[in-house]
């Protein structure tokens, strides 16, 4: 497939991608009231920081795409759990940041995740580091013969929304375009810088 001349320029020649999608959620009630849930747009603004490439260990790279979206998951019984998310893609890494507004505690969840998941503390809160894989989807231009399968290795970090681990979490996931397993130290470095900037995150006393 052909592309425009701009598509062949170096990433560093392109302006940084700006967040798209995921309109900020309006809080009900009094003006100025903080929303109970963070939106995809707010997650994108927190993730798409000017030093993100440096945190990833690839200084000089420029984000190609950045966006946020809302979302939800329905469980048996009709209960709906909101799962807003954001994604920033570079030439080397892709990083996602999401929030889960359920009541499941992060503490003790390592046994459920498998894949060598390890329980630890991050920013003073219960957290779990585990390995995963992206999903690869291929399809013809006419939309027929869609196929899916395992993609590249990914590393994920789930952190409780509060120090008590009373339920809900934030999750940072990253993977490399070349399929190399991401460095856990890089994942932790990104999470420790990004998560405290998410609206609603408060320092635990």
N, C-alpha and C. Protein backbone atom coordinates (compact mmCIF):
# COMPACT_ATOMS: atom_id res chain seq x y z
N UNK A 1 0.85 -1.20 0.00
CA UNK A 1 0.00 0.00 0.00
C UNK A 1 0.88 1.24 0.00
N UNK A 2 0.54 2.24 -0.79
CA UNK A 2 1.31 3.47 -0.85
C UNK A 2 0.93 4.39 0.28
N UNK A 3 1.72 5.41 0.48
CA UNK A 3 1.43 6.36 1.54
C UNK A 3 1.86 7.73 1.12
N UNK A 4 1.48 8.72 1.91
CA UNK A 4 1.86 10.08 1.62
C UNK A 4 3.33 10.26 1.95
N UNK A 5 4.01 11.30 1.39
CA UNK A 5 5.42 11.52 1.70
C UNK A 5 5.68 11.64 3.19
N UNK A 6 4.72 12.19 3.91
CA UNK A 6 4.90 12.39 5.35
C UNK A 6 5.06 11.07 6.07
N UNK A 7 4.48 10.00 5.52
CA UNK A 7 4.53 8.70 6.18
C UNK A 7 5.94 8.14 6.19
N UNK A 8 6.82 8.65 5.33
CA UNK A 8 8.18 8.13 5.24
C UNK A 8 9.18 9.00 5.98
N UNK A 9 8.71 10.05 6.67
CA UNK A 9 9.60 10.90 7.42
C UNK A 9 9.95 10.25 8.75
N UNK A 10 11.07 10.66 9.32
CA UNK A 10 11.45 10.15 10.62
C UNK A 10 10.45 10.63 11.67
N UNK A 11 10.25 9.80 12.72
CA UNK A 11 9.34 10.18 13.78
C UNK A 11 9.69 11.52 14.39
N UNK A 12 10.99 11.79 14.53
CA UNK A 12 11.42 13.02 15.17
C UNK A 12 11.06 14.26 14.36
N UNK A 13 10.73 14.08 13.06
CA UNK A 13 10.35 15.21 12.21
C UNK A 13 8.87 15.54 12.34
N UNK A 14 8.12 14.66 12.96
CA UNK A 14 6.68 14.84 13.05
C UNK A 14 6.29 15.49 14.38
N UNK A 15 5.22 16.29 14.40
CA UNK A 15 4.77 16.86 15.66
C UNK A 15 4.21 15.76 16.56
N UNK A 16 4.33 15.87 17.88
CA UNK A 16 3.80 14.84 18.78
C UNK A 16 2.31 14.66 18.59
N UNK A 17 1.85 13.42 18.69
CA UNK A 17 0.42 13.14 18.55
C UNK A 17 -0.33 13.74 19.73
N UNK A 18 -1.47 14.31 19.46
CA UNK A 18 -2.33 14.86 20.51
C UNK A 18 -3.44 13.87 20.81
N UNK A 19 -3.91 13.90 22.05
CA UNK A 19 -4.96 12.96 22.45
C UNK A 19 -6.24 13.21 21.67
N UNK A 20 -6.87 12.13 21.26
CA UNK A 20 -8.15 12.22 20.56
C UNK A 20 -9.14 11.29 21.20
N UNK A 21 -10.43 11.61 21.07
CA UNK A 21 -11.48 10.74 21.59
C UNK A 21 -11.60 10.82 23.10
N UNK A 22 -12.62 10.11 23.62
CA UNK A 22 -12.79 10.03 25.07
C UNK A 22 -13.07 11.36 25.72
N UNK A 23 -14.17 11.99 25.39
CA UNK A 23 -14.50 13.28 25.96
C UNK A 23 -14.55 13.23 27.48
N UNK A 24 -14.07 14.29 28.15
CA UNK A 24 -14.09 14.30 29.61
C UNK A 24 -15.50 14.10 30.16
N UNK A 25 -15.60 13.34 31.21
CA UNK A 25 -16.89 13.07 31.83
C UNK A 25 -17.34 14.26 32.66
N UNK A 26 -18.59 14.65 32.53
CA UNK A 26 -19.12 15.76 33.30
C UNK A 26 -19.68 15.25 34.62
N UNK A 27 -19.31 15.92 35.68
CA UNK A 27 -19.77 15.49 37.00
C UNK A 27 -21.19 15.98 37.24
N UNK A 28 -22.07 15.12 37.78
CA UNK A 28 -23.42 15.54 38.08
C UNK A 28 -23.43 16.45 39.31
N UNK A 29 -24.50 17.20 39.46
CA UNK A 29 -24.63 18.00 40.68
C UNK A 29 -23.98 19.37 40.54
N UNK A 30 -23.38 19.82 41.60
CA UNK A 30 -22.84 21.17 41.67
C UNK A 30 -21.67 21.35 40.70
N UNK A 31 -21.58 22.60 40.18
CA UNK A 31 -20.48 22.92 39.28
C UNK A 31 -19.16 22.80 40.02
N UNK A 32 -18.16 22.28 39.32
CA UNK A 32 -16.85 22.14 39.93
C UNK A 32 -16.66 20.86 40.71
N UNK A 33 -17.71 20.05 40.82
CA UNK A 33 -17.59 18.80 41.56
C UNK A 33 -16.73 17.81 40.78
N UNK A 34 -15.82 17.13 41.46
CA UNK A 34 -14.93 16.19 40.82
C UNK A 34 -15.71 14.94 40.40
N UNK A 35 -15.56 14.49 39.15
CA UNK A 35 -16.25 13.27 38.71
C UNK A 35 -15.83 12.06 39.53
N UNK A 36 -16.75 11.12 39.72
CA UNK A 36 -16.43 9.90 40.47
C UNK A 36 -15.50 9.00 39.68
N UNK A 37 -15.51 9.16 38.37
CA UNK A 37 -14.66 8.30 37.52
C UNK A 37 -13.83 9.16 36.59
N UNK A 38 -12.62 8.71 36.34
CA UNK A 38 -11.76 9.39 35.38
C UNK A 38 -12.20 8.98 33.97
N UNK A 39 -12.03 9.86 33.01
CA UNK A 39 -12.44 9.56 31.63
C UNK A 39 -11.25 9.10 30.81
N UNK A 40 -11.55 8.55 29.63
CA UNK A 40 -10.48 8.15 28.73
C UNK A 40 -9.63 9.33 28.31
N UNK A 41 -10.27 10.49 28.12
CA UNK A 41 -9.53 11.70 27.75
C UNK A 41 -8.55 12.11 28.84
N UNK A 42 -8.97 12.01 30.09
CA UNK A 42 -8.10 12.37 31.19
C UNK A 42 -6.94 11.39 31.34
N UNK A 43 -7.22 10.11 31.12
CA UNK A 43 -6.16 9.11 31.15
C UNK A 43 -5.13 9.38 30.04
N UNK A 44 -5.62 9.77 28.88
CA UNK A 44 -4.71 10.06 27.76
C UNK A 44 -3.84 11.26 28.07
N UNK A 45 -4.41 12.29 28.67
CA UNK A 45 -3.62 13.47 29.01
C UNK A 45 -2.54 13.13 30.02
N UNK A 46 -2.84 12.22 30.95
CA UNK A 46 -1.84 11.81 31.94
C UNK A 46 -0.74 10.97 31.30
N UNK A 47 -1.12 10.10 30.37
CA UNK A 47 -0.17 9.18 29.76
C UNK A 47 0.69 9.85 28.70
N UNK A 48 0.11 10.73 27.91
CA UNK A 48 0.79 11.33 26.77
C UNK A 48 1.64 12.53 27.21
N UNK A 49 2.55 12.29 28.12
CA UNK A 49 3.39 13.34 28.68
C UNK A 49 4.61 13.59 27.79
N UNK A 50 5.17 14.78 27.91
CA UNK A 50 6.27 15.16 27.02
C UNK A 50 7.52 14.31 27.22
N UNK A 51 7.69 13.73 28.41
CA UNK A 51 8.89 12.93 28.67
C UNK A 51 8.62 11.43 28.61
N UNK A 52 7.50 11.01 28.01
CA UNK A 52 7.17 9.59 27.99
C UNK A 52 8.21 8.79 27.23
N UNK A 53 8.67 9.28 26.09
CA UNK A 53 9.69 8.56 25.32
C UNK A 53 10.96 8.39 26.14
N UNK A 54 11.33 9.41 26.89
CA UNK A 54 12.52 9.32 27.73
C UNK A 54 12.33 8.27 28.82
N UNK A 55 11.13 8.23 29.42
CA UNK A 55 10.84 7.23 30.44
C UNK A 55 10.92 5.82 29.87
N UNK A 56 10.57 5.68 28.60
CA UNK A 56 10.61 4.38 27.93
C UNK A 56 12.03 3.99 27.52
N UNK A 57 12.96 4.93 27.66
CA UNK A 57 14.33 4.65 27.25
C UNK A 57 14.57 4.86 25.78
N UNK A 58 13.67 5.60 25.10
CA UNK A 58 13.82 5.87 23.67
C UNK A 58 13.72 7.37 23.42
N UNK A 59 14.59 8.17 24.05
CA UNK A 59 14.51 9.63 23.88
C UNK A 59 14.67 10.01 22.41
N UNK A 60 13.90 10.99 21.99
CA UNK A 60 13.95 11.40 20.60
C UNK A 60 12.79 10.86 19.79
N UNK A 61 12.17 9.78 20.25
CA UNK A 61 11.00 9.27 19.55
C UNK A 61 9.80 10.17 19.82
N UNK A 62 8.92 10.24 18.85
CA UNK A 62 7.71 11.05 18.96
C UNK A 62 6.49 10.16 18.86
N UNK A 63 5.51 10.41 19.71
CA UNK A 63 4.29 9.61 19.67
C UNK A 63 3.61 9.73 18.31
N UNK A 64 3.28 8.58 17.72
CA UNK A 64 2.60 8.56 16.42
C UNK A 64 1.11 8.74 16.58
N UNK A 65 0.52 8.08 17.57
CA UNK A 65 -0.91 8.20 17.84
C UNK A 65 -1.13 8.27 19.34
N UNK A 66 -2.19 8.93 19.74
CA UNK A 66 -2.57 9.01 21.15
C UNK A 66 -4.08 9.19 21.23
N UNK A 67 -4.72 8.43 22.09
CA UNK A 67 -6.17 8.54 22.18
C UNK A 67 -6.71 7.92 23.45
N UNK A 68 -7.89 8.34 23.83
CA UNK A 68 -8.56 7.80 25.00
C UNK A 68 -9.97 7.40 24.64
N UNK A 69 -10.54 6.50 25.40
CA UNK A 69 -11.90 6.05 25.13
C UNK A 69 -12.58 5.60 26.41
N UNK A 70 -13.88 5.65 26.40
CA UNK A 70 -14.65 5.10 27.50
C UNK A 70 -14.82 3.61 27.27
N UNK A 71 -15.53 2.96 28.13
CA UNK A 71 -15.76 1.53 27.96
C UNK A 71 -16.36 0.96 29.21
N UNK A 72 -16.93 -0.22 29.10
CA UNK A 72 -17.50 -0.88 30.25
C UNK A 72 -17.60 -2.38 29.99
N UNK A 73 -17.71 -3.11 31.07
CA UNK A 73 -17.86 -4.57 31.00
C UNK A 73 -19.10 -4.94 31.80
N UNK A 74 -19.94 -5.80 31.22
CA UNK A 74 -21.15 -6.25 31.93
C UNK A 74 -20.94 -7.66 32.45
N UNK A 75 -21.22 -7.82 33.73
CA UNK A 75 -21.07 -9.12 34.36
C UNK A 75 -22.44 -9.79 34.50
N UNK A 76 -22.42 -11.04 34.92
CA UNK A 76 -23.67 -11.76 35.14
C UNK A 76 -24.52 -10.99 36.16
N UNK A 77 -25.80 -10.90 35.88
CA UNK A 77 -26.68 -10.15 36.76
C UNK A 77 -26.89 -8.73 36.28
N UNK A 78 -26.16 -8.35 35.21
CA UNK A 78 -26.38 -7.04 34.61
C UNK A 78 -25.52 -5.92 35.18
N UNK A 79 -24.67 -6.23 36.15
CA UNK A 79 -23.83 -5.18 36.73
C UNK A 79 -22.82 -4.70 35.70
N UNK A 80 -22.72 -3.37 35.55
CA UNK A 80 -21.82 -2.78 34.57
C UNK A 80 -20.65 -2.11 35.29
N UNK A 81 -19.44 -2.44 34.85
CA UNK A 81 -18.22 -1.87 35.42
C UNK A 81 -17.54 -1.01 34.37
N UNK A 82 -17.24 0.23 34.72
CA UNK A 82 -16.65 1.15 33.77
C UNK A 82 -15.15 0.92 33.66
N UNK A 83 -14.65 0.94 32.40
CA UNK A 83 -13.24 0.65 32.14
C UNK A 83 -12.66 1.64 31.12
N UNK A 84 -12.54 2.92 31.46
CA UNK A 84 -11.94 3.88 30.53
C UNK A 84 -10.48 3.54 30.29
N UNK A 85 -9.95 3.93 29.14
CA UNK A 85 -8.57 3.60 28.82
C UNK A 85 -7.95 4.63 27.88
N UNK A 86 -6.63 4.58 27.78
CA UNK A 86 -5.89 5.45 26.87
C UNK A 86 -4.74 4.66 26.28
N UNK A 87 -4.27 5.10 25.12
CA UNK A 87 -3.18 4.40 24.42
C UNK A 87 -2.31 5.41 23.69
N UNK A 88 -1.00 5.25 23.85
CA UNK A 88 -0.03 6.10 23.13
C UNK A 88 0.94 5.16 22.42
N UNK A 89 1.13 5.38 21.12
CA UNK A 89 1.98 4.49 20.31
C UNK A 89 3.18 5.24 19.76
N UNK A 90 4.37 4.65 19.99
CA UNK A 90 5.61 5.12 19.41
C UNK A 90 6.09 4.09 18.39
N UNK A 91 7.19 4.40 17.73
CA UNK A 91 7.76 3.43 16.81
C UNK A 91 8.25 2.18 17.51
N UNK A 92 8.78 2.34 18.72
CA UNK A 92 9.33 1.21 19.47
C UNK A 92 8.31 0.60 20.42
N UNK A 93 7.68 1.43 21.24
CA UNK A 93 6.76 0.96 22.28
C UNK A 93 5.33 1.43 22.03
N UNK A 94 4.39 0.66 22.55
CA UNK A 94 3.01 1.11 22.71
C UNK A 94 2.69 0.97 24.20
N UNK A 95 2.05 1.99 24.76
CA UNK A 95 1.71 2.00 26.18
C UNK A 95 0.22 2.26 26.34
N UNK A 96 -0.41 1.51 27.23
CA UNK A 96 -1.82 1.76 27.55
C UNK A 96 -1.97 2.02 29.04
N UNK A 97 -2.98 2.81 29.37
CA UNK A 97 -3.33 3.11 30.75
C UNK A 97 -4.84 2.96 30.88
N UNK A 98 -5.29 2.16 31.83
CA UNK A 98 -6.72 1.95 31.99
C UNK A 98 -7.11 1.97 33.46
N UNK A 99 -8.40 2.15 33.70
CA UNK A 99 -8.93 2.13 35.06
C UNK A 99 -10.05 1.12 35.13
N UNK A 100 -10.16 0.43 36.25
CA UNK A 100 -11.22 -0.56 36.46
C UNK A 100 -11.97 -0.19 37.73
N UNK A 101 -13.26 0.09 37.58
CA UNK A 101 -14.06 0.52 38.72
C UNK A 101 -14.92 -0.64 39.25
N UNK A 102 -14.22 -1.70 39.65
CA UNK A 102 -14.92 -2.83 40.25
C UNK A 102 -14.61 -2.88 41.74
N UNK A 103 -15.03 -3.93 42.41
CA UNK A 103 -14.79 -4.06 43.84
C UNK A 103 -13.79 -5.15 44.18
N UNK A 104 -13.09 -5.63 43.14
CA UNK A 104 -12.14 -6.70 43.37
C UNK A 104 -10.79 -6.13 43.85
N UNK A 105 -10.29 -6.61 44.98
CA UNK A 105 -9.01 -6.11 45.49
C UNK A 105 -7.84 -6.62 44.66
N UNK A 106 -6.81 -5.79 44.54
CA UNK A 106 -5.60 -6.19 43.83
C UNK A 106 -4.78 -7.17 44.67
N UNK A 107 -4.77 -6.93 45.98
CA UNK A 107 -4.03 -7.83 46.87
C UNK A 107 -4.55 -9.25 46.75
N UNK A 108 -3.66 -10.19 46.52
CA UNK A 108 -4.06 -11.58 46.39
C UNK A 108 -4.48 -12.00 45.00
N UNK A 109 -4.46 -11.08 44.03
CA UNK A 109 -4.92 -11.41 42.69
C UNK A 109 -3.84 -12.07 41.83
N UNK A 110 -2.60 -12.09 42.30
CA UNK A 110 -1.52 -12.67 41.51
C UNK A 110 -1.79 -14.14 41.19
N UNK A 111 -2.38 -14.86 42.14
CA UNK A 111 -2.65 -16.28 41.93
C UNK A 111 -3.65 -16.50 40.80
N UNK A 112 -4.51 -15.53 40.55
CA UNK A 112 -5.52 -15.66 39.51
C UNK A 112 -4.96 -15.34 38.12
N UNK A 113 -3.90 -14.54 38.07
CA UNK A 113 -3.36 -14.10 36.79
C UNK A 113 -2.40 -15.09 36.17
N UNK A 114 -1.70 -15.87 36.99
CA UNK A 114 -0.75 -16.83 36.45
C UNK A 114 0.39 -16.15 35.73
N UNK A 115 0.99 -16.85 34.76
CA UNK A 115 2.07 -16.29 33.94
C UNK A 115 3.17 -15.67 34.77
N UNK A 116 3.48 -16.25 35.92
CA UNK A 116 4.54 -15.72 36.76
C UNK A 116 4.21 -14.41 37.42
N UNK A 117 2.92 -14.12 37.62
CA UNK A 117 2.51 -12.86 38.25
C UNK A 117 3.10 -12.75 39.65
N UNK A 118 3.54 -11.54 39.99
CA UNK A 118 4.17 -11.31 41.29
C UNK A 118 3.47 -10.16 42.03
N UNK A 119 3.15 -10.42 43.27
CA UNK A 119 2.54 -9.39 44.12
C UNK A 119 3.65 -8.48 44.64
N UNK A 120 3.39 -7.17 44.68
CA UNK A 120 4.35 -6.23 45.22
C UNK A 120 3.63 -4.95 45.61
N UNK A 121 4.35 -3.97 46.10
CA UNK A 121 3.78 -2.67 46.43
C UNK A 121 4.37 -1.63 45.49
N UNK A 122 3.52 -0.77 44.97
CA UNK A 122 3.95 0.31 44.08
C UNK A 122 3.28 1.59 44.55
N UNK A 123 4.07 2.62 44.78
CA UNK A 123 3.56 3.90 45.26
C UNK A 123 2.74 3.72 46.54
N UNK A 124 3.15 2.76 47.37
CA UNK A 124 2.49 2.54 48.65
C UNK A 124 1.17 1.79 48.56
N UNK A 125 0.90 1.18 47.41
CA UNK A 125 -0.38 0.48 47.22
C UNK A 125 -0.14 -0.95 46.73
N UNK A 126 -1.08 -1.85 47.02
CA UNK A 126 -0.96 -3.22 46.50
C UNK A 126 -0.90 -3.20 44.98
N UNK A 127 -0.04 -4.05 44.41
CA UNK A 127 0.12 -4.10 42.96
C UNK A 127 0.51 -5.50 42.53
N UNK A 128 0.32 -5.78 41.26
CA UNK A 128 0.69 -7.06 40.66
C UNK A 128 1.37 -6.80 39.32
N UNK A 129 2.52 -7.43 39.11
CA UNK A 129 3.21 -7.39 37.83
C UNK A 129 3.03 -8.74 37.15
N UNK A 130 2.63 -8.75 35.89
CA UNK A 130 2.45 -10.03 35.21
C UNK A 130 2.74 -9.90 33.71
N UNK A 131 2.88 -11.03 33.07
CA UNK A 131 3.15 -11.07 31.63
C UNK A 131 1.87 -11.39 30.88
N UNK A 132 1.78 -10.88 29.66
CA UNK A 132 0.59 -11.10 28.85
C UNK A 132 1.01 -11.09 27.39
N UNK A 133 0.06 -11.19 26.50
CA UNK A 133 0.31 -11.07 25.06
C UNK A 133 -0.77 -10.21 24.43
N UNK A 134 -0.38 -9.42 23.45
CA UNK A 134 -1.37 -8.67 22.70
C UNK A 134 -2.11 -9.64 21.78
N UNK A 135 -3.16 -9.16 21.15
CA UNK A 135 -3.92 -9.97 20.20
C UNK A 135 -3.65 -9.45 18.79
N UNK A 136 -3.27 -10.35 17.91
CA UNK A 136 -3.02 -10.00 16.51
C UNK A 136 -4.27 -10.29 15.68
N UNK A 137 -4.74 -9.29 14.94
CA UNK A 137 -5.93 -9.45 14.11
C UNK A 137 -5.58 -9.13 12.66
N UNK A 138 -5.92 -10.03 11.76
CA UNK A 138 -5.69 -9.81 10.34
C UNK A 138 -7.00 -10.00 9.58
N UNK A 139 -7.15 -9.23 8.50
CA UNK A 139 -8.38 -9.33 7.71
C UNK A 139 -8.12 -8.80 6.30
N UNK A 140 -8.97 -9.23 5.39
CA UNK A 140 -8.88 -8.73 4.02
C UNK A 140 -9.52 -7.36 3.94
N UNK A 141 -9.17 -6.62 2.91
CA UNK A 141 -9.71 -5.27 2.75
C UNK A 141 -11.22 -5.27 2.60
N UNK A 142 -11.79 -6.38 2.09
CA UNK A 142 -13.24 -6.44 1.91
C UNK A 142 -13.95 -6.88 3.20
N UNK A 143 -13.16 -7.09 4.28
CA UNK A 143 -13.76 -7.44 5.56
C UNK A 143 -13.96 -8.92 5.77
N UNK A 144 -13.62 -9.74 4.79
CA UNK A 144 -13.81 -11.19 4.93
C UNK A 144 -12.57 -11.86 5.51
N UNK A 145 -12.73 -13.09 5.93
CA UNK A 145 -11.62 -13.91 6.41
C UNK A 145 -10.85 -13.26 7.55
N UNK A 146 -11.57 -12.70 8.50
CA UNK A 146 -10.92 -12.12 9.67
C UNK A 146 -10.33 -13.22 10.53
N UNK A 147 -9.11 -13.03 10.99
CA UNK A 147 -8.44 -14.03 11.81
C UNK A 147 -7.75 -13.35 12.96
N UNK A 148 -7.65 -14.03 14.09
CA UNK A 148 -6.97 -13.46 15.25
C UNK A 148 -6.10 -14.52 15.90
N UNK A 149 -5.09 -14.05 16.61
CA UNK A 149 -4.17 -14.96 17.28
C UNK A 149 -3.31 -14.19 18.24
N UNK A 150 -2.39 -14.89 18.92
CA UNK A 150 -1.52 -14.20 19.87
C UNK A 150 -0.58 -13.23 19.16
N UNK A 151 -0.36 -12.08 19.80
CA UNK A 151 0.53 -11.08 19.23
C UNK A 151 1.89 -11.12 19.89
N UNK A 152 2.39 -9.96 20.30
CA UNK A 152 3.73 -9.86 20.89
C UNK A 152 3.64 -9.88 22.42
N UNK A 153 4.74 -10.23 23.10
CA UNK A 153 4.73 -10.24 24.57
C UNK A 153 4.50 -8.84 25.14
N UNK A 154 3.77 -8.79 26.22
CA UNK A 154 3.49 -7.52 26.90
C UNK A 154 3.76 -7.68 28.39
N UNK A 155 4.06 -6.57 29.04
CA UNK A 155 4.22 -6.56 30.49
C UNK A 155 3.17 -5.63 31.06
N UNK A 156 2.54 -6.06 32.16
CA UNK A 156 1.44 -5.29 32.74
C UNK A 156 1.66 -5.09 34.24
N UNK A 157 1.21 -3.94 34.72
CA UNK A 157 1.27 -3.62 36.14
C UNK A 157 -0.09 -3.11 36.57
N UNK A 158 -0.71 -3.81 37.51
CA UNK A 158 -2.00 -3.40 38.06
C UNK A 158 -1.79 -2.86 39.46
N UNK A 159 -2.28 -1.65 39.72
CA UNK A 159 -2.08 -0.98 41.01
C UNK A 159 -3.44 -0.61 41.60
N UNK A 160 -3.63 -0.88 42.88
CA UNK A 160 -4.89 -0.57 43.55
C UNK A 160 -5.17 0.93 43.54
N UNK A 161 -6.44 1.29 43.50
CA UNK A 161 -6.83 2.69 43.47
C UNK A 161 -6.62 3.38 44.81
N UNK A 162 -6.47 2.62 45.90
CA UNK A 162 -6.17 3.22 47.20
C UNK A 162 -5.28 2.27 48.00
N UNK A 163 -4.66 2.81 49.04
CA UNK A 163 -3.69 2.03 49.83
C UNK A 163 -4.35 0.86 50.55
N UNK A 164 -5.64 0.98 50.86
CA UNK A 164 -6.34 -0.09 51.55
C UNK A 164 -6.68 -1.25 50.62
N UNK A 165 -6.57 -1.01 49.33
CA UNK A 165 -6.90 -2.06 48.37
C UNK A 165 -8.34 -2.47 48.44
N UNK A 166 -9.23 -1.48 48.64
CA UNK A 166 -10.65 -1.77 48.85
C UNK A 166 -11.40 -2.13 47.57
N UNK A 167 -10.74 -2.01 46.43
CA UNK A 167 -11.39 -2.37 45.17
C UNK A 167 -11.10 -1.38 44.07
N UNK A 168 -11.04 -1.86 42.85
CA UNK A 168 -10.73 -1.01 41.71
C UNK A 168 -9.24 -0.89 41.51
N UNK A 169 -8.84 -0.55 40.30
CA UNK A 169 -7.41 -0.51 40.01
C UNK A 169 -7.12 0.35 38.78
N UNK A 170 -5.84 0.69 38.66
CA UNK A 170 -5.30 1.28 37.43
C UNK A 170 -4.31 0.26 36.86
N UNK A 171 -4.21 0.24 35.54
CA UNK A 171 -3.29 -0.72 34.93
C UNK A 171 -2.49 -0.05 33.82
N UNK A 172 -1.18 -0.28 33.83
CA UNK A 172 -0.28 0.19 32.78
C UNK A 172 0.26 -1.04 32.06
N UNK A 173 0.17 -1.04 30.74
CA UNK A 173 0.65 -2.17 29.93
C UNK A 173 1.55 -1.61 28.83
N UNK A 174 2.65 -2.30 28.56
CA UNK A 174 3.49 -1.87 27.45
C UNK A 174 4.01 -3.07 26.68
N UNK A 175 4.23 -2.85 25.38
CA UNK A 175 4.81 -3.89 24.52
C UNK A 175 5.64 -3.22 23.44
N UNK A 176 6.54 -4.01 22.84
CA UNK A 176 7.44 -3.51 21.82
C UNK A 176 7.02 -3.99 20.43
N UNK A 177 7.22 -3.14 19.43
CA UNK A 177 6.85 -3.50 18.06
C UNK A 177 7.71 -4.64 17.52
N UNK A 178 8.95 -4.76 18.03
CA UNK A 178 9.84 -5.80 17.53
C UNK A 178 9.64 -7.15 18.22
N UNK A 179 8.70 -7.23 19.16
CA UNK A 179 8.40 -8.49 19.81
C UNK A 179 9.31 -8.86 20.95
N UNK A 180 10.29 -8.00 21.27
CA UNK A 180 11.17 -8.25 22.41
C UNK A 180 10.37 -8.06 23.70
N UNK A 181 10.60 -8.92 24.68
CA UNK A 181 9.89 -8.80 25.96
C UNK A 181 10.27 -7.49 26.63
N UNK A 182 9.30 -6.65 27.00
CA UNK A 182 9.60 -5.37 27.63
C UNK A 182 10.30 -5.54 28.97
N UNK A 183 11.16 -4.58 29.30
CA UNK A 183 11.88 -4.57 30.56
C UNK A 183 10.93 -4.16 31.69
N UNK A 184 10.88 -4.96 32.76
CA UNK A 184 10.02 -4.65 33.89
C UNK A 184 10.38 -3.34 34.55
N UNK A 185 11.67 -2.97 34.53
CA UNK A 185 12.09 -1.71 35.13
C UNK A 185 11.52 -0.52 34.37
N UNK A 186 11.39 -0.64 33.06
CA UNK A 186 10.80 0.42 32.24
C UNK A 186 9.32 0.58 32.59
N UNK A 187 8.62 -0.54 32.71
CA UNK A 187 7.20 -0.51 33.07
C UNK A 187 7.00 0.19 34.41
N UNK A 188 7.81 -0.16 35.39
CA UNK A 188 7.69 0.44 36.71
C UNK A 188 7.99 1.93 36.67
N UNK A 189 9.01 2.32 35.91
CA UNK A 189 9.38 3.73 35.82
C UNK A 189 8.24 4.57 35.24
N UNK A 190 7.62 4.05 34.19
CA UNK A 190 6.49 4.77 33.58
C UNK A 190 5.33 4.88 34.56
N UNK A 191 4.99 3.78 35.21
CA UNK A 191 3.86 3.78 36.14
C UNK A 191 4.06 4.75 37.29
N UNK A 192 5.26 4.78 37.85
CA UNK A 192 5.53 5.63 39.01
C UNK A 192 5.47 7.12 38.66
N UNK A 193 5.69 7.46 37.40
CA UNK A 193 5.59 8.86 36.98
C UNK A 193 4.17 9.23 36.54
N UNK A 194 3.51 8.29 35.85
CA UNK A 194 2.20 8.61 35.25
C UNK A 194 1.06 8.54 36.26
N UNK A 195 0.99 7.49 37.06
CA UNK A 195 -0.17 7.27 37.92
C UNK A 195 -0.46 8.43 38.88
N UNK A 196 0.53 9.05 39.53
CA UNK A 196 0.21 10.16 40.43
C UNK A 196 -0.38 11.38 39.74
N UNK A 197 -0.31 11.43 38.39
CA UNK A 197 -0.87 12.56 37.66
C UNK A 197 -2.30 12.31 37.17
N UNK A 198 -2.81 11.10 37.41
CA UNK A 198 -4.18 10.80 36.99
C UNK A 198 -5.16 11.53 37.91
N UNK A 199 -6.14 12.25 37.36
CA UNK A 199 -7.11 12.94 38.21
C UNK A 199 -7.77 12.00 39.19
N UNK A 200 -7.85 12.41 40.45
CA UNK A 200 -8.46 11.58 41.46
C UNK A 200 -7.45 10.79 42.27
N UNK A 201 -6.22 10.68 41.76
CA UNK A 201 -5.17 9.98 42.52
C UNK A 201 -4.74 10.91 43.65
N UNK A 202 -4.76 10.41 44.85
CA UNK A 202 -4.34 11.21 46.00
C UNK A 202 -3.23 10.48 46.73
N UNK A 203 -2.30 11.26 47.26
CA UNK A 203 -1.20 10.67 48.01
C UNK A 203 -1.76 10.06 49.30
N UNK A 204 -1.38 8.84 49.58
CA UNK A 204 -1.87 8.14 50.78
C UNK A 204 -1.06 8.58 52.00
N UNK A 205 -1.75 8.88 53.03
CA UNK A 205 -1.10 9.34 54.26
C UNK A 205 -0.84 8.15 55.16
